[in-house]
Amino acid sequence: MNDLSKLKSRLLADPEARAEYGKQAPEFAIARELIAARTRAGLTQGEIAERMHTTQSTIARLESGRTMPSLRTLSRYAEATGSRAVIKLEETVA
């Protein structure tokens, strides 16, 4: 286990930190999907930025998971990577 994994495990042992981390799960899931699409396309953040007519720092923010992108932005990102955006609503399990 690397140092980052150890740190994450230690931090998530705290119930309050674990709850806050859980609240950000949707943003992190979207970030993982964005990065995966870019990697599949073999593109850099800069190349995606050029295709979307934006800056590399904007792409970095999208891929950081700190913000929730709009549907329009997700569609533009998908197009730039040769992908398509798919939205799915699932029933929650109580």
N, C-alpha and C. Protein backbone atom coordinates (compact mmCIF):
# COMPACT_ATOMS: atom_id res chain seq x y z
N MET A 1 0.86 -1.18 0.00
CA MET A 1 0.00 0.00 0.00
C MET A 1 0.90 1.24 0.00
N ASN A 2 0.61 2.20 -0.89
CA ASN A 2 1.45 3.39 -0.95
C ASN A 2 1.05 4.40 0.13
N ASP A 3 1.87 5.43 0.27
CA ASP A 3 1.65 6.43 1.32
C ASP A 3 0.30 7.13 1.18
N LEU A 4 -0.12 7.40 -0.06
CA LEU A 4 -1.41 8.08 -0.26
C LEU A 4 -2.57 7.19 0.20
N SER A 5 -2.48 5.91 -0.11
CA SER A 5 -3.53 4.98 0.33
C SER A 5 -3.58 4.89 1.85
N LYS A 6 -2.42 4.87 2.48
CA LYS A 6 -2.37 4.83 3.95
C LYS A 6 -2.99 6.08 4.54
N LEU A 7 -2.65 7.23 3.97
CA LEU A 7 -3.21 8.49 4.46
C LEU A 7 -4.72 8.51 4.29
N LYS A 8 -5.20 8.09 3.12
CA LYS A 8 -6.65 8.06 2.88
C LYS A 8 -7.34 7.16 3.89
N SER A 9 -6.79 5.98 4.12
CA SER A 9 -7.38 5.05 5.09
C SER A 9 -7.44 5.65 6.48
N ARG A 10 -6.36 6.32 6.87
CA ARG A 10 -6.31 6.93 8.19
C ARG A 10 -7.34 8.06 8.32
N LEU A 11 -7.43 8.89 7.28
CA LEU A 11 -8.38 10.00 7.32
C LEU A 11 -9.83 9.50 7.33
N LEU A 12 -10.11 8.46 6.54
CA LEU A 12 -11.48 7.96 6.44
C LEU A 12 -11.89 7.14 7.67
N ALA A 13 -10.97 6.90 8.56
CA ALA A 13 -11.31 6.23 9.82
C ALA A 13 -12.14 7.16 10.71
N ASP A 14 -12.02 8.47 10.46
CA ASP A 14 -12.80 9.47 11.20
C ASP A 14 -14.19 9.54 10.58
N PRO A 15 -15.25 9.25 11.35
CA PRO A 15 -16.62 9.24 10.80
C PRO A 15 -17.02 10.56 10.14
N GLU A 16 -16.62 11.68 10.71
CA GLU A 16 -16.98 12.98 10.13
C GLU A 16 -16.29 13.17 8.78
N ALA A 17 -15.03 12.84 8.68
CA ALA A 17 -14.30 12.94 7.42
C ALA A 17 -14.88 11.98 6.39
N ARG A 18 -15.24 10.77 6.81
CA ARG A 18 -15.82 9.78 5.91
C ARG A 18 -17.15 10.29 5.35
N ALA A 19 -17.96 10.93 6.19
CA ALA A 19 -19.25 11.46 5.74
C ALA A 19 -19.05 12.57 4.70
N GLU A 20 -18.11 13.46 4.94
CA GLU A 20 -17.83 14.54 3.98
C GLU A 20 -17.30 13.98 2.68
N TYR A 21 -16.43 13.00 2.76
CA TYR A 21 -15.89 12.35 1.56
C TYR A 21 -17.03 11.71 0.76
N GLY A 22 -17.94 11.06 1.46
CA GLY A 22 -19.08 10.42 0.80
C GLY A 22 -19.97 11.41 0.06
N LYS A 23 -20.10 12.62 0.60
CA LYS A 23 -20.91 13.64 -0.05
C LYS A 23 -20.33 14.05 -1.40
N GLN A 24 -19.03 13.88 -1.57
CA GLN A 24 -18.37 14.29 -2.82
C GLN A 24 -18.27 13.14 -3.83
N ALA A 25 -18.82 11.99 -3.50
CA ALA A 25 -18.73 10.83 -4.38
C ALA A 25 -19.20 11.11 -5.81
N PRO A 26 -20.33 11.82 -6.02
CA PRO A 26 -20.75 12.07 -7.40
C PRO A 26 -19.74 12.89 -8.20
N GLU A 27 -19.16 13.91 -7.58
CA GLU A 27 -18.16 14.72 -8.27
C GLU A 27 -16.93 13.88 -8.62
N PHE A 28 -16.49 13.02 -7.68
CA PHE A 28 -15.33 12.18 -7.93
C PHE A 28 -15.62 11.17 -9.03
N ALA A 29 -16.84 10.63 -9.07
CA ALA A 29 -17.20 9.67 -10.12
C ALA A 29 -17.15 10.33 -11.49
N ILE A 30 -17.66 11.54 -11.59
CA ILE A 30 -17.62 12.27 -12.86
C ILE A 30 -16.18 12.55 -13.25
N ALA A 31 -15.36 12.97 -12.30
CA ALA A 31 -13.96 13.24 -12.59
C ALA A 31 -13.26 11.99 -13.13
N ARG A 32 -13.52 10.84 -12.51
CA ARG A 32 -12.92 9.59 -12.99
C ARG A 32 -13.34 9.28 -14.42
N GLU A 33 -14.62 9.53 -14.74
CA GLU A 33 -15.12 9.28 -16.09
C GLU A 33 -14.47 10.22 -17.10
N LEU A 34 -14.31 11.48 -16.73
CA LEU A 34 -13.67 12.45 -17.63
C LEU A 34 -12.24 12.02 -17.93
N ILE A 35 -11.50 11.69 -16.89
CA ILE A 35 -10.10 11.29 -17.07
C ILE A 35 -10.02 10.02 -17.90
N ALA A 36 -10.91 9.07 -17.65
CA ALA A 36 -10.91 7.81 -18.42
C ALA A 36 -11.18 8.08 -19.90
N ALA A 37 -12.13 8.98 -20.20
CA ALA A 37 -12.44 9.30 -21.60
C ALA A 37 -11.24 9.96 -22.27
N ARG A 38 -10.59 10.87 -21.57
CA ARG A 38 -9.42 11.55 -22.15
C ARG A 38 -8.29 10.55 -22.39
N THR A 39 -8.09 9.64 -21.44
CA THR A 39 -7.03 8.64 -21.56
C THR A 39 -7.31 7.70 -22.74
N ARG A 40 -8.56 7.25 -22.85
CA ARG A 40 -8.94 6.39 -23.98
C ARG A 40 -8.68 7.08 -25.31
N ALA A 41 -8.93 8.38 -25.35
CA ALA A 41 -8.74 9.14 -26.58
C ALA A 41 -7.26 9.46 -26.83
N GLY A 42 -6.42 9.22 -25.83
CA GLY A 42 -4.99 9.50 -25.99
C GLY A 42 -4.68 10.98 -26.08
N LEU A 43 -5.44 11.79 -25.35
CA LEU A 43 -5.30 13.25 -25.42
C LEU A 43 -4.78 13.81 -24.10
N THR A 44 -4.15 14.96 -24.19
CA THR A 44 -3.72 15.69 -22.99
C THR A 44 -4.82 16.67 -22.60
N GLN A 45 -4.70 17.22 -21.40
CA GLN A 45 -5.65 18.25 -20.97
C GLN A 45 -5.60 19.44 -21.93
N GLY A 46 -4.41 19.78 -22.39
CA GLY A 46 -4.25 20.90 -23.32
C GLY A 46 -4.97 20.66 -24.63
N GLU A 47 -4.89 19.42 -25.13
CA GLU A 47 -5.56 19.09 -26.39
C GLU A 47 -7.08 19.12 -26.24
N ILE A 48 -7.56 18.65 -25.11
CA ILE A 48 -9.01 18.73 -24.84
C ILE A 48 -9.42 20.20 -24.78
N ALA A 49 -8.63 21.01 -24.08
CA ALA A 49 -8.93 22.44 -23.96
C ALA A 49 -9.03 23.10 -25.34
N GLU A 50 -8.08 22.79 -26.24
CA GLU A 50 -8.13 23.35 -27.59
C GLU A 50 -9.41 22.96 -28.30
N ARG A 51 -9.79 21.70 -28.20
CA ARG A 51 -10.99 21.22 -28.86
C ARG A 51 -12.26 21.85 -28.29
N MET A 52 -12.22 22.20 -27.00
CA MET A 52 -13.39 22.80 -26.35
C MET A 52 -13.33 24.33 -26.36
N HIS A 53 -12.26 24.89 -26.92
CA HIS A 53 -12.06 26.34 -26.95
C HIS A 53 -12.06 26.92 -25.55
N THR A 54 -11.25 26.30 -24.69
CA THR A 54 -11.12 26.77 -23.30
C THR A 54 -9.65 26.63 -22.91
N THR A 55 -9.37 26.70 -21.62
CA THR A 55 -7.98 26.62 -21.15
C THR A 55 -7.70 25.27 -20.50
N GLN A 56 -6.42 24.94 -20.44
CA GLN A 56 -5.99 23.70 -19.79
C GLN A 56 -6.37 23.73 -18.32
N SER A 57 -6.28 24.90 -17.68
CA SER A 57 -6.62 24.98 -16.26
C SER A 57 -8.11 24.70 -16.02
N THR A 58 -8.96 25.05 -16.97
CA THR A 58 -10.39 24.73 -16.86
C THR A 58 -10.59 23.22 -16.91
N ILE A 59 -9.87 22.55 -17.80
CA ILE A 59 -9.96 21.09 -17.90
C ILE A 59 -9.44 20.45 -16.62
N ALA A 60 -8.35 20.97 -16.08
CA ALA A 60 -7.80 20.44 -14.83
C ALA A 60 -8.82 20.57 -13.70
N ARG A 61 -9.54 21.69 -13.64
CA ARG A 61 -10.57 21.87 -12.61
C ARG A 61 -11.70 20.86 -12.80
N LEU A 62 -12.11 20.64 -14.04
CA LEU A 62 -13.18 19.65 -14.31
C LEU A 62 -12.75 18.27 -13.84
N GLU A 63 -11.49 17.93 -14.12
CA GLU A 63 -10.99 16.60 -13.79
C GLU A 63 -10.60 16.44 -12.32
N SER A 64 -10.62 17.52 -11.56
CA SER A 64 -10.23 17.45 -10.15
C SER A 64 -11.35 16.89 -9.27
N GLY A 65 -12.58 16.98 -9.74
CA GLY A 65 -13.70 16.51 -8.93
C GLY A 65 -14.17 17.52 -7.90
N ARG A 66 -13.67 18.73 -7.98
CA ARG A 66 -14.06 19.75 -6.99
C ARG A 66 -15.31 20.52 -7.38
N THR A 67 -15.72 20.38 -8.64
CA THR A 67 -16.92 21.08 -9.09
C THR A 67 -17.80 20.13 -9.89
N MET A 68 -19.06 20.44 -9.96
CA MET A 68 -20.01 19.64 -10.74
C MET A 68 -20.22 20.35 -12.07
N PRO A 69 -19.74 19.75 -13.18
CA PRO A 69 -19.90 20.41 -14.48
C PRO A 69 -21.36 20.39 -14.95
N SER A 70 -21.70 21.33 -15.80
CA SER A 70 -23.04 21.37 -16.38
C SER A 70 -23.18 20.26 -17.41
N LEU A 71 -24.41 19.94 -17.78
CA LEU A 71 -24.64 18.94 -18.81
C LEU A 71 -24.05 19.38 -20.15
N ARG A 72 -24.13 20.66 -20.42
CA ARG A 72 -23.56 21.20 -21.67
C ARG A 72 -22.05 20.98 -21.69
N THR A 73 -21.39 21.25 -20.57
CA THR A 73 -19.94 21.05 -20.49
C THR A 73 -19.59 19.58 -20.64
N LEU A 74 -20.35 18.70 -20.00
CA LEU A 74 -20.12 17.27 -20.15
C LEU A 74 -20.27 16.84 -21.61
N SER A 75 -21.26 17.37 -22.29
CA SER A 75 -21.46 17.04 -23.71
C SER A 75 -20.30 17.53 -24.56
N ARG A 76 -19.83 18.74 -24.30
CA ARG A 76 -18.70 19.29 -25.05
C ARG A 76 -17.44 18.48 -24.79
N TYR A 77 -17.22 18.06 -23.54
CA TYR A 77 -16.05 17.26 -23.19
C TYR A 77 -16.14 15.91 -23.89
N ALA A 78 -17.32 15.31 -23.88
CA ALA A 78 -17.52 14.01 -24.54
C ALA A 78 -17.20 14.13 -26.03
N GLU A 79 -17.72 15.16 -26.66
CA GLU A 79 -17.47 15.37 -28.09
C GLU A 79 -15.98 15.53 -28.35
N ALA A 80 -15.30 16.26 -27.49
CA ALA A 80 -13.87 16.50 -27.66
C ALA A 80 -13.04 15.21 -27.54
N THR A 81 -13.58 14.23 -26.83
CA THR A 81 -12.85 12.96 -26.65
C THR A 81 -13.38 11.86 -27.56
N GLY A 82 -14.33 12.19 -28.42
CA GLY A 82 -14.90 11.17 -29.30
C GLY A 82 -15.80 10.21 -28.54
N SER A 83 -16.40 10.70 -27.48
CA SER A 83 -17.29 9.90 -26.63
C SER A 83 -18.69 10.49 -26.70
N ARG A 84 -19.59 9.88 -25.95
CA ARG A 84 -20.92 10.47 -25.79
C ARG A 84 -21.26 10.42 -24.31
N ALA A 85 -21.94 11.44 -23.84
CA ALA A 85 -22.35 11.52 -22.44
C ALA A 85 -23.65 10.74 -22.27
N VAL A 86 -23.73 9.96 -21.20
CA VAL A 86 -24.92 9.18 -20.89
C VAL A 86 -25.32 9.49 -19.45
N ILE A 87 -26.55 9.89 -19.26
CA ILE A 87 -27.06 10.21 -17.92
C ILE A 87 -27.97 9.07 -17.49
N LYS A 88 -27.76 8.61 -16.27
CA LYS A 88 -28.55 7.48 -15.77
C LYS A 88 -28.98 7.78 -14.34
N LEU A 89 -30.27 7.62 -14.06
CA LEU A 89 -30.78 7.77 -12.71
C LEU A 89 -31.09 6.38 -12.17
N GLU A 90 -30.58 6.09 -10.99
CA GLU A 90 -30.79 4.78 -10.39
C GLU A 90 -31.55 4.93 -9.09
N GLU A 91 -32.35 3.95 -8.80
CA GLU A 91 -33.10 3.93 -7.55
C GLU A 91 -32.12 3.73 -6.39
N THR A 92 -32.31 4.49 -5.33
CA THR A 92 -31.46 4.31 -4.16
C THR A 92 -31.94 3.12 -3.34
N VAL A 93 -31.01 2.47 -2.72
CA VAL A 93 -31.33 1.32 -1.89
C VAL A 93 -31.35 1.79 -0.46
N ALA A 94 -32.47 1.58 0.21
CA ALA A 94 -32.61 2.06 1.60
C ALA A 94 -32.05 1.06 2.58
